[in-house]
Amino acid sequence: MDFSVKKLASDAGVFFSRAVQFTQENLGQAEKTELDAHFENLLARADCTKNWTEKIFRQTEYLLQPNPIDHTGARIEEFLYEKLDRKVPSRPTNAELLGQYMLEAAKDFGPGTPYGSTLIKVGECQQRLGGAEREFLQTSAISFLTPLRNFLEGDWRTISKERRLLENRRLDLDACKARVKKAKAAETKAACEGEAVPDFQETRPRNYVLSASASANVSLFPFPCGHGLSQLWTEEVDKAEHELRVAQTEFDRQAEVTRLLLEGISSTHVNHLRCLHEFVEAQTAYYNQCHRVMQDLQKELGRFSSSFGRNPGSSPDPVASASSPTASETDVLQIEEVQPPASGTRKAKVLYDYDAADTSEMSLLADELITVYTVPGMDSDWLVGERGNQKGKVPVTYLELLS
């Protein structure tokens, strides 16, 4: 118990001494040991790395999981499973949920109806998009987020701890320098003028206990005595200089440890650069896969629309079908004989690739320019397009008409 009390008193004294030194430095009443320019640059570079790594990490998390509420819930769930040493269950993505709802709706509406069959195709596409998204999230978490998190929660915590210890060592060093300076000044003054028993509170740390010999000298010489006072001040200066040497050694050792950790920031940048390349590759693969899935869906819906009389929302009229040939049949018979009108042709820009469903249609390539015009009796969702010697029907929804 006695040891604990002494240790507590010693720690309190050290803390008070550091607080006094820190306060006096801020008030401009004490000198401060300055670090060299290279060390200061390392500190600034480390702080910059930490700040931007933290911002990039947080924003990447929001990018991969944009809903803040879901994001917080997911992190809490992951934390609980991590503490229980259990694997985090895979959660369906928003696209997968949308696809699931579309497939279930198609069952109720009837898979044989135009709307139901379209819901099935779009729902399956959404599930493929959701699967691609989940794969992208997993790859990004492993190759990009995990290294950034490891730096913030591992390396940076170690650097911060050593920096705080270095600052404490510096405060101790500067406090020792101040005590040596005061002790030497008091010794010089006592040697020149003579002085009563000195007040060591100005030259010793708050937790310093006067030695037995010094206490005996003080009791032996309660009144001014040049020889006794000179010996006391000499002992005090020697004691302060010894403490200064010890503090300087500890400061230099801690500065070297901190310097080595700060110089490791360069290897951290190299590691994060490699992780960034992997993140870009994963993101590129993800968007390319999404683009291919959507293109395939668009082509499939284009063919699907043509099989429902060019209007997926309406059913063919059986009476009209029995009494006269359909517009499609008329177009198939006459499309090669159709001549462009003398006026009324326009230029059109193709928005998307389109594969012809039969010989009466013309395949299209995105961004190309073609000539289009209308033919009496043709469905309003279609135009006749020409490209050189090629001619055929083209869907209006795939075109941007130019003036």
Protein backbone atom coordinates (compact mmCIF):
# COMPACT_ATOMS: atom_id res chain seq x y z
CA MET A 1 0.00 0.00 0.00
CA ASP A 2 2.86 2.33 0.87
CA PHE A 3 4.45 1.61 -2.49
CA SER A 4 1.23 2.44 -4.32
CA VAL A 5 0.90 5.74 -2.50
CA LYS A 6 4.48 6.69 -3.33
CA LYS A 7 4.00 5.72 -6.97
CA LEU A 8 0.77 7.70 -7.13
CA ALA A 9 2.47 10.73 -5.63
CA SER A 10 5.37 10.38 -8.06
CA ASP A 11 3.05 10.11 -11.08
CA ALA A 12 1.08 13.11 -9.87
CA GLY A 13 4.28 15.09 -9.54
CA VAL A 14 5.41 14.19 -13.04
CA PHE A 15 2.03 15.13 -14.46
CA PHE A 16 2.08 18.46 -12.60
CA SER A 17 5.61 19.21 -13.80
CA ARG A 18 4.59 18.52 -17.42
CA ALA A 19 1.48 20.65 -17.06
CA VAL A 20 3.54 23.57 -15.70
CA GLN A 21 6.05 23.23 -18.54
CA PHE A 22 3.29 23.04 -21.17
CA THR A 23 1.51 26.10 -19.73
CA GLN A 24 4.68 28.15 -19.55
CA GLU A 25 5.53 27.26 -23.15
CA ASN A 26 2.13 28.44 -24.35
CA LEU A 27 2.53 31.66 -22.38
CA GLY A 28 6.00 32.21 -23.83
CA GLN A 29 7.66 31.90 -20.41
CA ALA A 30 9.67 28.74 -21.11
CA GLU A 31 11.86 27.46 -23.89
CA LYS A 32 10.73 24.53 -26.04
CA THR A 33 12.93 21.91 -27.68
CA GLU A 34 12.30 22.12 -31.40
CA LEU A 35 12.39 19.04 -33.62
CA ASP A 36 14.45 19.08 -36.80
CA ALA A 37 12.82 20.05 -40.11
CA HIS A 38 12.89 16.49 -41.50
CA PHE A 39 11.09 15.17 -38.43
CA GLU A 40 8.48 17.92 -38.67
CA ASN A 41 7.91 17.03 -42.35
CA LEU A 42 7.43 13.39 -41.39
CA LEU A 43 4.85 14.40 -38.78
CA ALA A 44 2.97 16.61 -41.25
CA ARG A 45 3.01 13.84 -43.88
CA ALA A 46 1.72 11.30 -41.38
CA ASP A 47 -1.12 13.59 -40.27
CA CYS A 48 -2.06 14.25 -43.90
CA THR A 49 -2.03 10.52 -44.66
CA LYS A 50 -4.23 9.74 -41.67
CA ASN A 51 -6.78 12.48 -42.42
CA TRP A 52 -7.23 11.64 -46.10
CA THR A 53 -7.18 7.88 -45.54
CA GLU A 54 -9.97 8.27 -43.00
CA LYS A 55 -12.07 10.42 -45.35
CA ILE A 56 -11.54 8.07 -48.32
CA PHE A 57 -12.37 5.05 -46.16
CA ARG A 58 -15.61 6.55 -44.84
CA GLN A 59 -16.76 7.81 -48.24
CA THR A 60 -16.00 4.46 -49.88
CA GLU A 61 -18.16 2.79 -47.25
CA TYR A 62 -21.00 5.21 -48.07
CA LEU A 63 -20.49 4.55 -51.79
CA LEU A 64 -20.75 0.79 -51.35
CA GLN A 65 -23.67 1.10 -48.92
CA PRO A 66 -25.28 4.51 -49.48
CA ASN A 67 -28.17 4.30 -46.99
CA PRO A 68 -26.80 5.61 -43.64
CA ILE A 69 -29.41 3.70 -41.62
CA ASP A 70 -28.69 0.41 -43.34
CA HIS A 71 -24.99 1.18 -43.11
CA THR A 72 -25.15 1.63 -39.33
CA GLY A 73 -27.26 -1.48 -38.86
CA ALA A 74 -24.91 -3.53 -41.00
CA ARG A 75 -21.88 -2.35 -39.04
CA ILE A 76 -23.56 -3.22 -35.73
CA GLU A 77 -24.49 -6.65 -37.06
CA GLU A 78 -20.95 -7.25 -38.30
CA PHE A 79 -19.56 -6.17 -34.92
CA LEU A 80 -21.82 -8.60 -33.05
CA TYR A 81 -20.96 -11.52 -35.32
CA GLU A 82 -17.26 -10.67 -35.01
CA LYS A 83 -17.46 -10.73 -31.20
CA LEU A 84 -19.29 -14.06 -31.35
CA ASP A 85 -16.69 -15.48 -33.78
CA ARG A 86 -19.39 -16.25 -36.31
CA LYS A 87 -19.53 -15.63 -40.04
CA VAL A 88 -21.61 -12.65 -41.13
CA PRO A 89 -24.56 -13.89 -43.24
CA SER A 90 -24.78 -12.58 -46.79
CA ARG A 91 -27.50 -9.99 -47.25
CA PRO A 92 -29.39 -9.57 -50.55
CA THR A 93 -28.65 -6.38 -52.43
CA ASN A 94 -31.34 -3.86 -53.38
CA ALA A 95 -31.27 -5.04 -57.00
CA GLU A 96 -31.77 -8.64 -55.93
CA LEU A 97 -34.73 -7.67 -53.77
CA LEU A 98 -36.26 -5.74 -56.67
CA GLY A 99 -35.80 -8.73 -58.96
CA GLN A 100 -37.40 -11.02 -56.40
CA TYR A 101 -40.45 -8.74 -56.11
CA MET A 102 -40.80 -8.61 -59.92
CA LEU A 103 -40.70 -12.40 -60.21
CA GLU A 104 -43.30 -12.81 -57.49
CA ALA A 105 -45.52 -10.17 -59.13
CA ALA A 106 -45.23 -12.00 -62.47
CA LYS A 107 -46.67 -15.14 -60.88
CA ASP A 108 -49.77 -13.20 -59.77
CA PHE A 109 -50.22 -11.31 -63.03
CA GLY A 110 -49.67 -14.44 -65.11
CA PRO A 111 -46.37 -15.37 -66.73
CA GLY A 112 -48.09 -15.77 -70.11
CA THR A 113 -49.30 -12.14 -70.23
CA PRO A 114 -47.14 -9.45 -71.86
CA TYR A 115 -46.70 -7.62 -68.55
CA GLY A 116 -46.00 -10.80 -66.57
CA SER A 117 -43.47 -12.17 -69.03
CA THR A 118 -41.71 -8.80 -69.19
CA LEU A 119 -41.56 -8.68 -65.39
CA ILE A 120 -39.87 -12.08 -65.43
CA LYS A 121 -37.21 -10.94 -67.89
CA VAL A 122 -36.53 -7.67 -66.05
CA GLY A 123 -36.60 -9.42 -62.66
CA GLU A 124 -34.02 -11.98 -63.77
CA CYS A 125 -31.88 -9.14 -65.09
CA GLN A 126 -32.12 -7.30 -61.75
CA GLN A 127 -31.02 -10.43 -59.92
CA ARG A 128 -27.99 -10.73 -62.18
CA LEU A 129 -27.18 -7.08 -61.49
CA GLY A 130 -27.56 -7.73 -57.77
CA GLY A 131 -25.21 -10.70 -57.94
CA ALA A 132 -22.63 -8.60 -59.75
CA GLU A 133 -23.03 -5.87 -57.13
CA ARG A 134 -22.53 -8.31 -54.25
CA GLU A 135 -19.38 -9.64 -55.85
CA PHE A 136 -18.12 -6.09 -56.32
CA LEU A 137 -18.86 -5.24 -52.67
CA GLN A 138 -17.00 -8.29 -51.41
CA THR A 139 -14.00 -7.69 -53.66
CA SER A 140 -13.80 -4.00 -52.70
CA ALA A 141 -14.11 -4.75 -48.99
CA ILE A 142 -11.25 -7.25 -49.11
CA SER A 143 -8.88 -5.47 -51.49
CA PHE A 144 -9.49 -1.81 -50.57
CA LEU A 145 -11.45 -1.18 -47.37
CA THR A 146 -9.65 -3.75 -45.22
CA PRO A 147 -6.11 -2.37 -45.82
CA LEU A 148 -7.30 1.18 -45.10
CA ARG A 149 -9.05 0.05 -41.92
CA ASN A 150 -5.97 -1.88 -40.80
CA PHE A 151 -3.85 1.25 -41.17
CA LEU A 152 -6.26 3.45 -39.20
CA GLU A 153 -6.89 0.92 -36.43
CA GLY A 154 -3.38 -0.56 -36.30
CA ASP A 155 -0.41 1.41 -37.60
CA TRP A 156 -1.87 4.83 -36.90
CA ARG A 157 -2.77 3.96 -33.30
CA THR A 158 0.80 2.84 -32.72
CA ILE A 159 2.15 6.05 -34.26
CA SER A 160 -0.21 8.18 -32.15
CA LYS A 161 0.81 6.37 -28.98
CA GLU A 162 4.52 6.87 -29.66
CA ARG A 163 3.96 10.52 -30.57
CA ARG A 164 2.20 11.17 -27.28
CA LEU A 165 5.06 9.46 -25.44
CA LEU A 166 7.57 11.58 -27.39
CA GLU A 167 5.72 14.75 -26.38
CA ASN A 168 5.86 13.69 -22.72
CA ARG A 169 9.57 13.00 -23.02
CA ARG A 170 10.07 16.43 -24.57
CA LEU A 171 8.19 18.13 -21.73
CA ASP A 172 10.32 16.26 -19.20
CA LEU A 173 13.47 17.27 -21.06
CA ASP A 174 12.53 20.95 -21.22
CA ALA A 175 11.53 20.92 -17.53
CA CYS A 176 14.96 19.50 -16.66
CA LYS A 177 16.64 22.16 -18.77
CA ALA A 178 14.72 24.85 -16.92
CA ARG A 179 15.71 23.40 -13.54
CA VAL A 180 19.40 23.24 -14.49
CA LYS A 181 19.26 26.83 -15.66
CA LYS A 182 17.63 28.01 -12.44
CA ALA A 183 19.99 25.97 -10.25
CA LYS A 184 23.07 27.39 -11.97
CA ALA A 185 21.70 30.92 -11.69
CA ALA A 186 21.00 30.44 -7.97
CA GLU A 187 24.47 28.91 -7.41
CA THR A 188 26.13 31.88 -9.06
CA LYS A 189 24.07 34.32 -7.03
CA ALA A 190 24.83 32.52 -3.75
CA ALA A 191 28.56 32.43 -4.50
CA CYS A 192 28.63 36.14 -5.26
CA GLU A 193 26.32 37.58 -2.60
CA GLY A 194 25.74 34.89 -0.01
CA GLU A 195 22.21 33.78 0.74
CA ALA A 196 20.12 32.08 3.38
CA VAL A 197 18.99 28.49 3.07
CA PRO A 198 17.88 28.17 -0.55
CA ASP A 199 14.36 27.34 -1.66
CA PHE A 200 14.70 24.20 -3.78
CA GLN A 201 11.11 24.31 -4.91
CA GLU A 202 12.20 26.41 -7.87
CA THR A 203 14.86 23.94 -9.02
CA ARG A 204 13.42 20.52 -8.23
CA PRO A 205 10.42 18.71 -9.67
CA ARG A 206 7.27 18.63 -7.59
CA ASN A 207 7.73 14.95 -6.71
CA TYR A 208 11.42 15.33 -5.76
CA VAL A 209 12.35 14.17 -2.21
CA LEU A 210 15.34 15.89 -0.61
CA SER A 211 18.19 13.46 0.03
CA ALA A 212 19.28 12.62 3.59
CA SER A 213 22.64 14.35 3.21
CA ALA A 214 21.05 17.49 1.82
CA SER A 215 18.46 17.51 4.61
CA ALA A 216 21.24 17.13 7.20
CA ASN A 217 23.15 20.02 5.67
CA VAL A 218 20.05 22.17 5.76
CA SER A 219 19.49 21.34 9.43
CA LEU A 220 23.16 21.94 10.25
CA PHE A 221 23.22 25.32 8.57
CA PRO A 222 19.92 27.06 9.35
CA PHE A 223 21.60 30.41 8.95
CA PRO A 224 23.64 31.85 6.14
CA CYS A 225 26.90 30.00 5.69
CA GLY A 226 28.75 30.45 2.46
CA HIS A 227 30.53 27.09 2.48
CA GLY A 228 27.39 25.09 3.38
CA LEU A 229 25.21 26.92 0.89
CA SER A 230 27.77 26.54 -1.86
CA GLN A 231 27.92 22.79 -1.23
CA LEU A 232 24.11 22.55 -1.28
CA TRP A 233 23.86 24.43 -4.55
CA THR A 234 26.63 22.29 -6.08
CA GLU A 235 24.76 19.13 -5.14
CA GLU A 236 21.57 20.62 -6.54
CA VAL A 237 23.22 21.51 -9.85
CA ASP A 238 24.78 18.04 -10.11
CA LYS A 239 21.43 16.44 -9.40
CA ALA A 240 19.65 18.59 -12.01
CA GLU A 241 22.33 17.89 -14.64
CA HIS A 242 22.08 14.15 -14.01
CA GLU A 243 18.30 14.30 -14.48
CA LEU A 244 18.85 16.32 -17.65
CA ARG A 245 21.17 13.68 -19.10
CA VAL A 246 18.68 10.93 -18.31
CA ALA A 247 15.82 12.94 -19.84
CA GLN A 248 17.88 13.70 -22.95
CA THR A 249 18.69 10.00 -23.41
CA GLU A 250 15.04 8.99 -23.09
CA PHE A 251 13.96 11.74 -25.46
CA ASP A 252 16.53 10.75 -28.11
CA ARG A 253 15.54 7.08 -27.84
CA GLN A 254 11.83 7.88 -28.19
CA ALA A 255 12.49 10.30 -31.07
CA GLU A 256 14.30 7.54 -32.98
CA VAL A 257 11.45 5.07 -32.42
CA THR A 258 8.90 7.62 -33.60
CA ARG A 259 11.02 8.56 -36.60
CA LEU A 260 11.19 4.93 -37.77
CA LEU A 261 7.41 4.60 -37.53
CA LEU A 262 6.85 7.84 -39.44
CA GLU A 263 9.24 6.80 -42.20
CA GLY A 264 7.09 3.69 -42.63
CA ILE A 265 4.34 5.91 -44.06
CA SER A 266 6.09 5.62 -47.44
CA SER A 267 5.50 1.85 -47.52
CA THR A 268 1.91 2.52 -46.47
CA HIS A 269 1.44 4.73 -49.52
CA VAL A 270 2.82 1.98 -51.77
CA ASN A 271 0.44 -0.56 -50.26
CA HIS A 272 -2.56 1.77 -50.59
CA LEU A 273 -1.61 2.51 -54.20
CA ARG A 274 -1.74 -1.21 -55.03
CA CYS A 275 -5.09 -1.50 -53.25
CA LEU A 276 -6.42 1.47 -55.21
CA HIS A 277 -5.53 -0.22 -58.51
CA GLU A 278 -7.37 -3.35 -57.41
CA PHE A 279 -10.41 -1.27 -56.45
CA VAL A 280 -10.48 0.40 -59.88
CA GLU A 281 -10.20 -2.97 -61.62
CA ALA A 282 -13.08 -4.37 -59.56
CA GLN A 283 -15.20 -1.31 -60.26
CA THR A 284 -14.46 -1.47 -64.00
CA ALA A 285 -15.37 -5.15 -64.16
CA TYR A 286 -18.58 -4.47 -62.25
CA TYR A 287 -19.77 -1.65 -64.53
CA ASN A 288 -18.83 -3.60 -67.67
CA GLN A 289 -20.84 -6.56 -66.44
CA CYS A 290 -23.82 -4.31 -65.67
CA HIS A 291 -23.58 -2.75 -69.14
CA ARG A 292 -23.60 -6.14 -70.84
CA VAL A 293 -26.56 -7.34 -68.78
CA MET A 294 -28.60 -4.23 -69.60
CA GLN A 295 -27.74 -4.40 -73.31
CA ASP A 296 -28.86 -8.02 -73.46
CA LEU A 297 -32.09 -7.12 -71.67
CA GLN A 298 -32.77 -4.23 -74.02
CA LYS A 299 -32.29 -6.39 -77.11
CA GLU A 300 -34.49 -9.10 -75.66
CA LEU A 301 -37.24 -6.62 -74.83
CA GLY A 302 -37.02 -5.18 -78.35
CA ARG A 303 -37.65 -8.61 -79.90
CA PHE A 304 -40.28 -9.33 -77.27
CA SER A 305 -42.16 -6.11 -78.12
CA SER A 306 -42.29 -6.97 -81.84
CA SER A 307 -43.94 -10.32 -81.05
CA PHE A 308 -46.83 -8.48 -79.36
CA GLY A 309 -47.93 -6.33 -82.30
CA ARG A 310 -45.37 -3.56 -81.53
CA ASN A 311 -47.36 -2.60 -78.39
CA PRO A 312 -46.69 -4.73 -75.29
CA GLY A 313 -49.57 -3.10 -73.43
CA SER A 314 -52.35 -4.12 -75.86
CA SER A 315 -53.71 -7.38 -77.29
CA PRO A 316 -54.28 -7.98 -81.02
CA ASP A 317 -57.83 -7.64 -82.27
CA PRO A 318 -58.96 -11.13 -83.46
CA VAL A 319 -61.67 -9.67 -85.74
CA ALA A 320 -59.23 -7.35 -87.49
CA SER A 321 -56.75 -10.18 -87.78
CA ALA A 322 -59.28 -12.43 -89.47
CA SER A 323 -60.59 -9.79 -91.88
CA SER A 324 -57.34 -8.31 -93.12
CA PRO A 325 -53.60 -9.00 -93.07
CA THR A 326 -51.67 -7.40 -90.20
CA ALA A 327 -49.35 -4.47 -90.62
CA SER A 328 -46.43 -6.82 -90.06
CA GLU A 329 -47.53 -9.13 -92.87
CA THR A 330 -48.04 -6.15 -95.20
CA ASP A 331 -44.61 -4.83 -94.34
CA VAL A 332 -42.97 -8.19 -94.95
CA LEU A 333 -44.56 -8.41 -98.39
CA GLN A 334 -43.92 -4.85 -99.49
CA ILE A 335 -40.84 -3.62 -97.56
CA GLU A 336 -38.43 -4.24 -100.45
CA GLU A 337 -40.74 -2.40 -102.86
CA VAL A 338 -41.27 0.66 -100.67
CA GLN A 339 -39.82 3.77 -102.20
CA PRO A 340 -38.80 6.83 -100.16
CA PRO A 341 -41.23 9.75 -100.51
CA ALA A 342 -40.23 12.81 -102.45
CA SER A 343 -40.33 14.81 -99.21
CA GLY A 344 -40.54 13.87 -95.54
CA THR A 345 -37.31 11.90 -95.11
CA ARG A 346 -35.27 12.72 -92.02
CA LYS A 347 -31.93 11.88 -90.53
CA ALA A 348 -31.91 9.92 -87.26
CA LYS A 349 -29.17 9.01 -84.79
CA VAL A 350 -29.21 5.45 -83.42
CA LEU A 351 -29.24 5.39 -79.63
CA TYR A 352 -28.70 1.69 -78.98
CA ASP A 353 -27.60 -1.41 -80.84
CA TYR A 354 -30.48 -3.40 -82.33
CA ASP A 355 -30.46 -6.85 -83.91
CA ALA A 356 -33.06 -7.47 -86.62
CA ALA A 357 -35.67 -10.07 -85.61
CA ASP A 358 -36.47 -11.02 -89.23
CA THR A 359 -35.60 -10.11 -92.83
CA SER A 360 -38.03 -7.18 -92.85
CA GLU A 361 -36.05 -5.35 -90.15
CA MET A 362 -32.67 -3.65 -90.31
CA SER A 363 -29.98 -4.09 -87.66
CA LEU A 364 -28.64 -0.93 -86.04
CA LEU A 365 -25.41 0.17 -84.40
CA ALA A 366 -25.30 2.79 -81.69
CA ASP A 367 -24.32 6.34 -82.76
CA GLU A 368 -24.67 5.75 -86.50
CA LEU A 369 -26.79 8.05 -88.72
CA ILE A 370 -29.51 6.64 -91.00
CA THR A 371 -32.31 8.03 -93.18
CA VAL A 372 -35.85 7.30 -91.97
CA TYR A 373 -39.36 7.96 -93.28
CA THR A 374 -42.93 6.80 -92.69
CA VAL A 375 -45.04 4.53 -94.84
CA PRO A 376 -48.87 4.67 -94.87
CA GLY A 377 -50.38 1.76 -92.95
CA MET A 378 -47.23 1.03 -90.92
CA ASP A 379 -47.47 0.91 -87.13
CA SER A 380 -46.49 4.21 -85.47
CA ASP A 381 -43.82 2.45 -83.38
CA TRP A 382 -41.81 1.70 -86.52
CA LEU A 383 -40.18 3.60 -89.35
CA VAL A 384 -38.48 2.57 -92.58
CA GLY A 385 -34.75 3.13 -92.37
CA GLU A 386 -32.11 3.22 -95.08
CA ARG A 387 -28.36 2.88 -94.83
CA GLY A 388 -26.68 2.79 -98.23
CA ASN A 389 -28.23 -0.13 -100.11
CA GLN A 390 -29.81 -1.57 -96.95
CA LYS A 391 -33.45 -0.97 -96.14
CA GLY A 392 -35.71 -2.25 -93.39
CA LYS A 393 -37.98 -1.46 -90.49
CA VAL A 394 -36.43 0.14 -87.41
CA PRO A 395 -38.01 0.79 -83.97
CA VAL A 396 -38.69 4.44 -83.16
CA THR A 397 -37.59 4.01 -79.53
CA TYR A 398 -34.06 3.25 -80.68
CA LEU A 399 -33.73 6.51 -82.63
CA GLU A 400 -33.19 10.19 -82.01
CA LEU A 401 -34.79 12.11 -84.88
CA LEU A 402 -32.70 15.02 -86.10
CA SER A 403 -34.08 18.17 -87.67
